[in-house]
C-alpha cells in the first residue's frame, strides 16, 4: 500500500470512527444494544436477504433469536464477524494472522 492509499484509507475510516466514538461517549451500551435486522444490514452494508440466507446456511454474524419471527444483532458481534474476515491478500487463508 502506498502512502497515498494509506492516507485515503484513513480519511475514509476516520469519520466512521469519530461517529462511533461520539455514539459510545453518549451511549455506553451502543455496541451491546440489540438492533434490528434492517439496522444490522445498514451497519454491514449487506442486504437483509443476505443476512437471512447467512442465518439459514451459516457463516454470518452471531444473532439473537428473540422469538421464531424476531431476530436481533449486537454491533459488537457484527464488528467481530467482519474483523475475522480481514485479509491482506487473496492468498491469505482464514485464521492466518494478517
N, C-alpha and C. Protein backbone atom coordinates (compact mmCIF):
# COMPACT_ATOMS: atom_id res chain seq x y z
N UNK A 1 0.86 -1.17 0.00
CA UNK A 1 0.00 0.00 0.00
C UNK A 1 0.90 1.24 0.00
N UNK A 2 0.61 2.16 -0.90
CA UNK A 2 1.40 3.38 -0.97
C UNK A 2 0.97 4.35 0.13
N UNK A 3 1.77 5.37 0.35
CA UNK A 3 1.41 6.38 1.34
C UNK A 3 0.09 7.05 0.99
N UNK A 4 -0.11 7.32 -0.29
CA UNK A 4 -1.36 7.95 -0.73
C UNK A 4 -2.55 7.06 -0.45
N UNK A 5 -2.42 5.77 -0.72
CA UNK A 5 -3.51 4.82 -0.45
C UNK A 5 -3.80 4.76 1.04
N UNK A 6 -2.76 4.80 1.86
CA UNK A 6 -2.93 4.79 3.32
C UNK A 6 -3.68 6.04 3.76
N UNK A 7 -3.30 7.19 3.24
CA UNK A 7 -3.95 8.45 3.59
C UNK A 7 -5.43 8.41 3.20
N UNK A 8 -5.71 7.90 2.00
CA UNK A 8 -7.09 7.80 1.53
C UNK A 8 -7.90 6.83 2.40
N UNK A 9 -7.29 5.72 2.79
CA UNK A 9 -7.98 4.74 3.64
C UNK A 9 -8.30 5.35 5.00
N UNK A 10 -7.34 6.05 5.58
CA UNK A 10 -7.55 6.68 6.89
C UNK A 10 -8.62 7.76 6.78
N UNK A 11 -8.59 8.54 5.70
CA UNK A 11 -9.58 9.59 5.51
C UNK A 11 -10.99 9.01 5.39
N UNK A 12 -11.10 7.82 4.84
CA UNK A 12 -12.40 7.16 4.70
C UNK A 12 -12.89 6.62 6.04
N UNK A 13 -11.98 6.04 6.82
CA UNK A 13 -12.35 5.39 8.07
C UNK A 13 -12.51 6.40 9.22
N UNK A 14 -11.73 7.46 9.20
CA UNK A 14 -11.72 8.40 10.31
C UNK A 14 -13.10 8.96 10.66
N UNK A 15 -13.90 9.41 9.69
CA UNK A 15 -15.24 9.90 10.05
C UNK A 15 -16.10 8.83 10.71
N UNK A 16 -15.98 7.59 10.25
CA UNK A 16 -16.75 6.49 10.83
C UNK A 16 -16.34 6.27 12.28
N UNK A 17 -15.03 6.27 12.52
CA UNK A 17 -14.53 6.09 13.89
C UNK A 17 -14.93 7.25 14.79
N UNK A 18 -14.89 8.47 14.27
CA UNK A 18 -15.30 9.63 15.07
C UNK A 18 -16.77 9.53 15.43
N UNK A 19 -17.59 9.11 14.46
CA UNK A 19 -19.02 8.96 14.70
C UNK A 19 -19.27 7.89 15.76
N UNK A 20 -18.56 6.75 15.66
CA UNK A 20 -18.73 5.68 16.64
C UNK A 20 -18.26 6.13 18.02
N UNK A 21 -17.15 6.85 18.08
CA UNK A 21 -16.64 7.34 19.37
C UNK A 21 -17.64 8.29 20.01
N UNK A 22 -18.27 9.14 19.21
CA UNK A 22 -19.27 10.07 19.75
C UNK A 22 -20.48 9.30 20.28
N UNK A 23 -20.90 8.29 19.55
CA UNK A 23 -22.04 7.49 19.99
C UNK A 23 -21.70 6.74 21.27
N UNK A 24 -20.50 6.21 21.36
CA UNK A 24 -20.09 5.49 22.57
C UNK A 24 -20.00 6.44 23.76
N UNK A 25 -19.57 7.66 23.50
CA UNK A 25 -19.47 8.65 24.59
C UNK A 25 -20.85 8.97 25.16
N UNK A 26 -21.83 9.11 24.28
CA UNK A 26 -23.19 9.45 24.72
C UNK A 26 -24.02 8.23 25.08
N UNK A 27 -23.63 7.07 24.59
CA UNK A 27 -24.40 5.84 24.82
C UNK A 27 -23.43 4.68 25.05
N UNK A 28 -23.03 4.45 26.31
CA UNK A 28 -22.06 3.40 26.60
C UNK A 28 -22.49 2.00 26.15
N UNK A 29 -23.78 1.79 25.97
CA UNK A 29 -24.29 0.47 25.54
C UNK A 29 -24.41 0.36 24.03
N UNK A 30 -23.89 1.31 23.29
CA UNK A 30 -24.03 1.35 21.83
C UNK A 30 -23.64 0.02 21.18
N UNK A 31 -22.52 -0.56 21.58
CA UNK A 31 -22.04 -1.79 20.93
C UNK A 31 -22.84 -3.02 21.34
N UNK A 32 -23.46 -2.99 22.51
CA UNK A 32 -24.17 -4.17 23.02
C UNK A 32 -25.69 -4.09 22.88
N UNK A 33 -26.21 -2.94 22.53
CA UNK A 33 -27.66 -2.80 22.38
C UNK A 33 -28.13 -3.64 21.19
N UNK A 34 -29.25 -4.32 21.34
CA UNK A 34 -29.80 -5.13 20.27
C UNK A 34 -30.39 -4.23 19.19
N UNK A 35 -30.06 -4.54 17.93
CA UNK A 35 -30.57 -3.77 16.81
C UNK A 35 -31.31 -4.70 15.85
N UNK A 36 -32.15 -4.11 15.04
CA UNK A 36 -32.97 -4.89 14.11
C UNK A 36 -32.12 -5.42 12.95
N UNK A 37 -32.70 -6.33 12.21
CA UNK A 37 -32.05 -6.86 11.01
C UNK A 37 -31.78 -5.72 10.03
N UNK A 38 -32.72 -4.80 9.90
CA UNK A 38 -32.55 -3.67 8.98
C UNK A 38 -31.35 -2.82 9.39
N UNK A 39 -31.22 -2.52 10.69
CA UNK A 39 -30.09 -1.73 11.17
C UNK A 39 -28.77 -2.49 10.99
N UNK A 40 -28.79 -3.80 11.21
CA UNK A 40 -27.59 -4.62 11.02
C UNK A 40 -27.20 -4.64 9.55
N UNK A 41 -28.18 -4.71 8.68
CA UNK A 41 -27.95 -4.68 7.25
C UNK A 41 -27.27 -3.37 6.84
N UNK A 42 -27.78 -2.26 7.34
CA UNK A 42 -27.18 -0.96 7.06
C UNK A 42 -25.76 -0.87 7.63
N UNK A 43 -25.58 -1.38 8.84
CA UNK A 43 -24.28 -1.33 9.51
C UNK A 43 -23.22 -2.08 8.72
N UNK A 44 -23.57 -3.26 8.20
CA UNK A 44 -22.62 -4.09 7.47
C UNK A 44 -22.54 -3.75 5.98
N UNK A 45 -23.60 -3.17 5.45
CA UNK A 45 -23.63 -2.90 4.02
C UNK A 45 -24.05 -4.09 3.18
N UNK A 46 -24.78 -5.00 3.78
CA UNK A 46 -25.33 -6.15 3.06
C UNK A 46 -26.85 -6.09 3.13
N UNK A 47 -27.53 -6.75 2.21
CA UNK A 47 -28.99 -6.73 2.21
C UNK A 47 -29.54 -7.58 3.35
N UNK A 48 -30.79 -7.30 3.67
CA UNK A 48 -31.47 -8.11 4.69
C UNK A 48 -31.60 -9.55 4.21
N UNK A 49 -31.83 -9.74 2.93
CA UNK A 49 -31.94 -11.11 2.39
C UNK A 49 -30.64 -11.87 2.58
N UNK A 50 -29.51 -11.19 2.44
CA UNK A 50 -28.22 -11.83 2.66
C UNK A 50 -28.08 -12.27 4.11
N UNK A 51 -28.47 -11.41 5.05
CA UNK A 51 -28.42 -11.78 6.46
C UNK A 51 -29.32 -12.99 6.73
N UNK A 52 -30.51 -13.00 6.12
CA UNK A 52 -31.42 -14.13 6.28
C UNK A 52 -30.79 -15.41 5.74
N UNK A 53 -30.17 -15.32 4.58
CA UNK A 53 -29.53 -16.50 3.99
C UNK A 53 -28.40 -16.99 4.88
N UNK A 54 -27.59 -16.09 5.42
CA UNK A 54 -26.50 -16.50 6.31
C UNK A 54 -27.04 -17.17 7.57
N UNK A 55 -28.16 -16.69 8.09
CA UNK A 55 -28.74 -17.34 9.27
C UNK A 55 -29.16 -18.76 8.93
N UNK A 56 -29.70 -18.95 7.76
CA UNK A 56 -30.17 -20.27 7.34
C UNK A 56 -29.00 -21.20 6.99
N UNK A 57 -28.05 -20.70 6.22
CA UNK A 57 -26.94 -21.53 5.74
C UNK A 57 -25.74 -21.54 6.67
N UNK A 58 -25.64 -20.55 7.55
CA UNK A 58 -24.47 -20.41 8.40
C UNK A 58 -23.44 -19.50 7.75
N UNK A 59 -22.47 -19.12 8.54
CA UNK A 59 -21.39 -18.29 8.04
C UNK A 59 -21.54 -16.81 8.29
N UNK A 60 -22.70 -16.39 8.75
CA UNK A 60 -22.92 -14.97 9.03
C UNK A 60 -22.60 -14.62 10.47
N UNK A 61 -22.86 -13.37 10.82
CA UNK A 61 -22.59 -12.93 12.20
C UNK A 61 -23.56 -13.57 13.20
N UNK A 62 -23.11 -13.62 14.45
CA UNK A 62 -23.98 -14.12 15.52
C UNK A 62 -25.20 -13.23 15.63
N UNK A 63 -26.30 -13.82 16.07
CA UNK A 63 -27.54 -13.08 16.23
C UNK A 63 -28.31 -13.60 17.43
N UNK A 64 -29.32 -12.86 17.83
CA UNK A 64 -30.18 -13.25 18.94
C UNK A 64 -31.55 -13.60 18.36
N UNK A 65 -32.00 -14.81 18.59
CA UNK A 65 -33.33 -15.24 18.16
C UNK A 65 -34.28 -14.92 19.31
N UNK A 66 -34.90 -13.76 19.25
CA UNK A 66 -35.81 -13.32 20.31
C UNK A 66 -37.05 -14.20 20.33
N UNK A 67 -37.54 -14.54 19.16
CA UNK A 67 -38.67 -15.46 19.01
C UNK A 67 -38.55 -16.09 17.61
N UNK A 68 -39.52 -16.88 17.25
CA UNK A 68 -39.47 -17.53 15.94
C UNK A 68 -39.47 -16.53 14.79
N UNK A 69 -40.01 -15.33 15.03
CA UNK A 69 -40.11 -14.33 13.96
C UNK A 69 -39.37 -13.04 14.26
N UNK A 70 -38.57 -13.04 15.30
CA UNK A 70 -37.88 -11.81 15.70
C UNK A 70 -36.40 -12.08 15.93
N UNK A 71 -35.56 -11.42 15.15
CA UNK A 71 -34.12 -11.58 15.22
C UNK A 71 -33.48 -10.22 15.51
N UNK A 72 -32.46 -10.23 16.34
CA UNK A 72 -31.71 -9.00 16.63
C UNK A 72 -30.22 -9.30 16.58
N UNK A 73 -29.46 -8.24 16.41
CA UNK A 73 -27.99 -8.33 16.36
C UNK A 73 -27.40 -7.34 17.34
N UNK A 74 -26.15 -7.60 17.74
CA UNK A 74 -25.37 -6.63 18.52
C UNK A 74 -24.26 -6.09 17.61
N UNK A 75 -24.04 -4.80 17.65
CA UNK A 75 -22.97 -4.21 16.83
C UNK A 75 -21.62 -4.85 17.14
N UNK A 76 -21.39 -5.17 18.40
CA UNK A 76 -20.13 -5.80 18.80
C UNK A 76 -19.91 -7.11 18.03
N UNK A 77 -20.96 -7.91 17.86
CA UNK A 77 -20.85 -9.17 17.12
C UNK A 77 -20.65 -8.93 15.63
N UNK A 78 -21.28 -7.89 15.10
CA UNK A 78 -21.12 -7.57 13.68
C UNK A 78 -19.68 -7.15 13.39
N UNK A 79 -19.12 -6.34 14.27
CA UNK A 79 -17.73 -5.90 14.10
C UNK A 79 -16.78 -7.08 14.22
N UNK A 80 -17.01 -7.93 15.21
CA UNK A 80 -16.15 -9.10 15.41
C UNK A 80 -16.20 -10.01 14.19
N UNK A 81 -17.38 -10.24 13.63
CA UNK A 81 -17.54 -11.08 12.45
C UNK A 81 -16.78 -10.48 11.27
N UNK A 82 -16.94 -9.19 11.06
CA UNK A 82 -16.25 -8.53 9.93
C UNK A 82 -14.73 -8.57 10.12
N UNK A 83 -14.27 -8.32 11.32
CA UNK A 83 -12.83 -8.30 11.56
C UNK A 83 -12.21 -9.68 11.38
N UNK A 84 -12.97 -10.73 11.63
CA UNK A 84 -12.46 -12.09 11.45
C UNK A 84 -12.24 -12.40 9.96
N UNK A 85 -12.80 -11.57 9.08
CA UNK A 85 -12.67 -11.78 7.65
C UNK A 85 -11.68 -10.84 6.97
N UNK A 86 -10.98 -10.03 7.75
CA UNK A 86 -9.98 -9.13 7.18
C UNK A 86 -8.85 -9.93 6.55
N UNK A 87 -8.45 -9.54 5.36
CA UNK A 87 -7.35 -10.18 4.65
C UNK A 87 -6.43 -9.11 4.09
N UNK A 88 -5.17 -9.44 3.96
CA UNK A 88 -4.23 -8.52 3.33
C UNK A 88 -4.01 -8.87 1.88
N UNK A 89 -4.34 -10.10 1.48
CA UNK A 89 -4.24 -10.51 0.09
C UNK A 89 -5.13 -11.73 -0.13
N UNK A 90 -5.35 -12.04 -1.38
CA UNK A 90 -6.28 -13.13 -1.70
C UNK A 90 -5.69 -14.51 -1.42
N UNK A 91 -4.40 -14.58 -1.18
CA UNK A 91 -3.76 -15.87 -0.89
C UNK A 91 -3.86 -16.23 0.59
N UNK A 92 -4.18 -15.28 1.42
CA UNK A 92 -4.26 -15.49 2.85
C UNK A 92 -5.45 -16.38 3.19
N UNK A 93 -5.23 -17.38 4.00
CA UNK A 93 -6.28 -18.32 4.40
C UNK A 93 -6.98 -17.83 5.66
N UNK A 94 -8.26 -18.19 5.82
CA UNK A 94 -8.95 -17.84 7.08
C UNK A 94 -8.17 -18.33 8.29
N UNK A 95 -8.07 -17.47 9.28
CA UNK A 95 -7.36 -17.83 10.50
C UNK A 95 -5.89 -17.47 10.50
N UNK A 96 -5.32 -17.17 9.33
CA UNK A 96 -3.92 -16.74 9.28
C UNK A 96 -3.83 -15.32 9.79
N UNK A 97 -2.76 -15.01 10.49
CA UNK A 97 -2.55 -13.66 11.01
C UNK A 97 -2.41 -12.70 9.85
N UNK A 98 -3.03 -11.55 10.00
CA UNK A 98 -2.94 -10.52 8.95
C UNK A 98 -1.62 -9.79 9.02
